[in-house]
């Protein structure tokens, strides 16, 4: 193949073919730091020239072309422009195996079941014939790895099955071959993501703690994944420490942004909406510095902004964010992000009194969660379903939804969700004239929220309020132990809500004043 036509093609079409963000993602996959090689502040054509010079010097020009063809959103246009003709067929792939079949790297990623089933049959054939490289190629390229199987198709359990069938073939090869070692590490990355998504937190944590085959430069990424797992398990303080370390020590701007996003999520759970916003802005700034498009805000940052708006009772702002999230999730065919969006939308719709629309959103999220095994989506949707039924005074249906979601949150150790669900069940018990059961749930939730490794302050404030209201439900005598205990819990709650800038703080202050006035 002549290199000159490829250079001319890329110089002419690269700017019109893809956005700076897409180009940054593709370069990141080639370990090319676009923001260093071609700084974003330069003229776009200058950036392209510098990038091409770097790729020629490092013999990565055809790899970039192949990356453009593999990107689902760019592949069709790239093929129309003739780029596929400039990418040579794959040569010998390892010392013991050569591809004898045509490369499928440029094929679009499958979305229909017959095509997926056909690829799975081909995968089985390669496993049976001891052809791990061909099997790995199907999983990573033609099935799209976690990004496609997990996020777009919701098939994380299938991904786990395929990875575990590959391990026995890949592990011996990776002991002496750096290429196979990198592929083995990639399988472990995907396994971690799929395990976390399906709620297998302990197994996911063990996978991130393996010393081999990860390289030392992968440590920040491992710390970030550990932070995400600890957050779900309710160990917020440890998660914050790991996310902070990942952001400070990662050399990659995109990964620094992901760590800042994780810190924003943790700040929100710990009740600091202002710090959450600062971390969100930092994450966005880092993505801009990395050469990615940040207007409109990236999808993950927008989702977190919507969650923040709901926490501070700004439903109007939350719905604006969620409208944008829904549109972009649909454009990206990201069914996981779409499900996370509709869970938050259900909460916003319920608060605005649009109960039927909220129920439809919950049903959509649950359908995805049941199909995909997405544990967090399933538990969050169950929580919203219980809230909706309680608002509608459908107490039997609320109890059923709570029972299912609470059992799952306990089984999977999703601690913050468990605290929320215990508080919800306590509220339900109080409405059904069972203050003893409500008090037990409030004290259990409070103990979990106040655990030294937790720090989930929204849950702690809700538990304190529920406990105080429960203690007062039997109209205890003024100055009695239960009356005084209730005032103490409300005072602690008020301190938390003031610190969190919670709009409901004045209501708590009024209740304390009333109780003390009566006393």
Foldseek 3Di string as FASTA:
>chain_A
DDVVVLLVCCLVPVPVQDALALLLVLCVVVVHLLCVQANPVDDPSSSSVSVVVVCVVVVCSLVSLLSQLLPQVRNVVSVVSPSVVVRDWDAQDDPPDTDPDGDPQNPHADQDDVVVVVLVVVLVVCLVVLNLVVNLSCQCRRNPACQCCCFQNLALVVLLVSLVSSVVSLVVVLVPDVVSQVSNVVSLVSNLVSCVQLLVLVVSLVSLPDPPPDDPLCQLVSLQSNLVSCVQLQLLVSSLVSLVVSLVPHPHLLSVLSSLQSNLVSCVLLLALVSSVVSLVSSLVSSVSSRRDQVPHDLSSLLSVLVSCVQQPNLVSSVVSLVVNCVVCVVVSGVNSNLSSLLSVLVSCVVVVVLVSSVVSLVSSCVSCVSNSRLVSNLSSLLSQLVSCVVVVVLVSSVVSLVVSLVSCVVSSSLVSNLSSLLSVLVSCVVVVNLVSSLVSLVVSLCSCPPPSGSSLVSNLSSLQSNLCSLPVVPDDQPDPSLVSSLVSLVVSLVSCVNSVHPCSVVSVVVSVVSVVVD
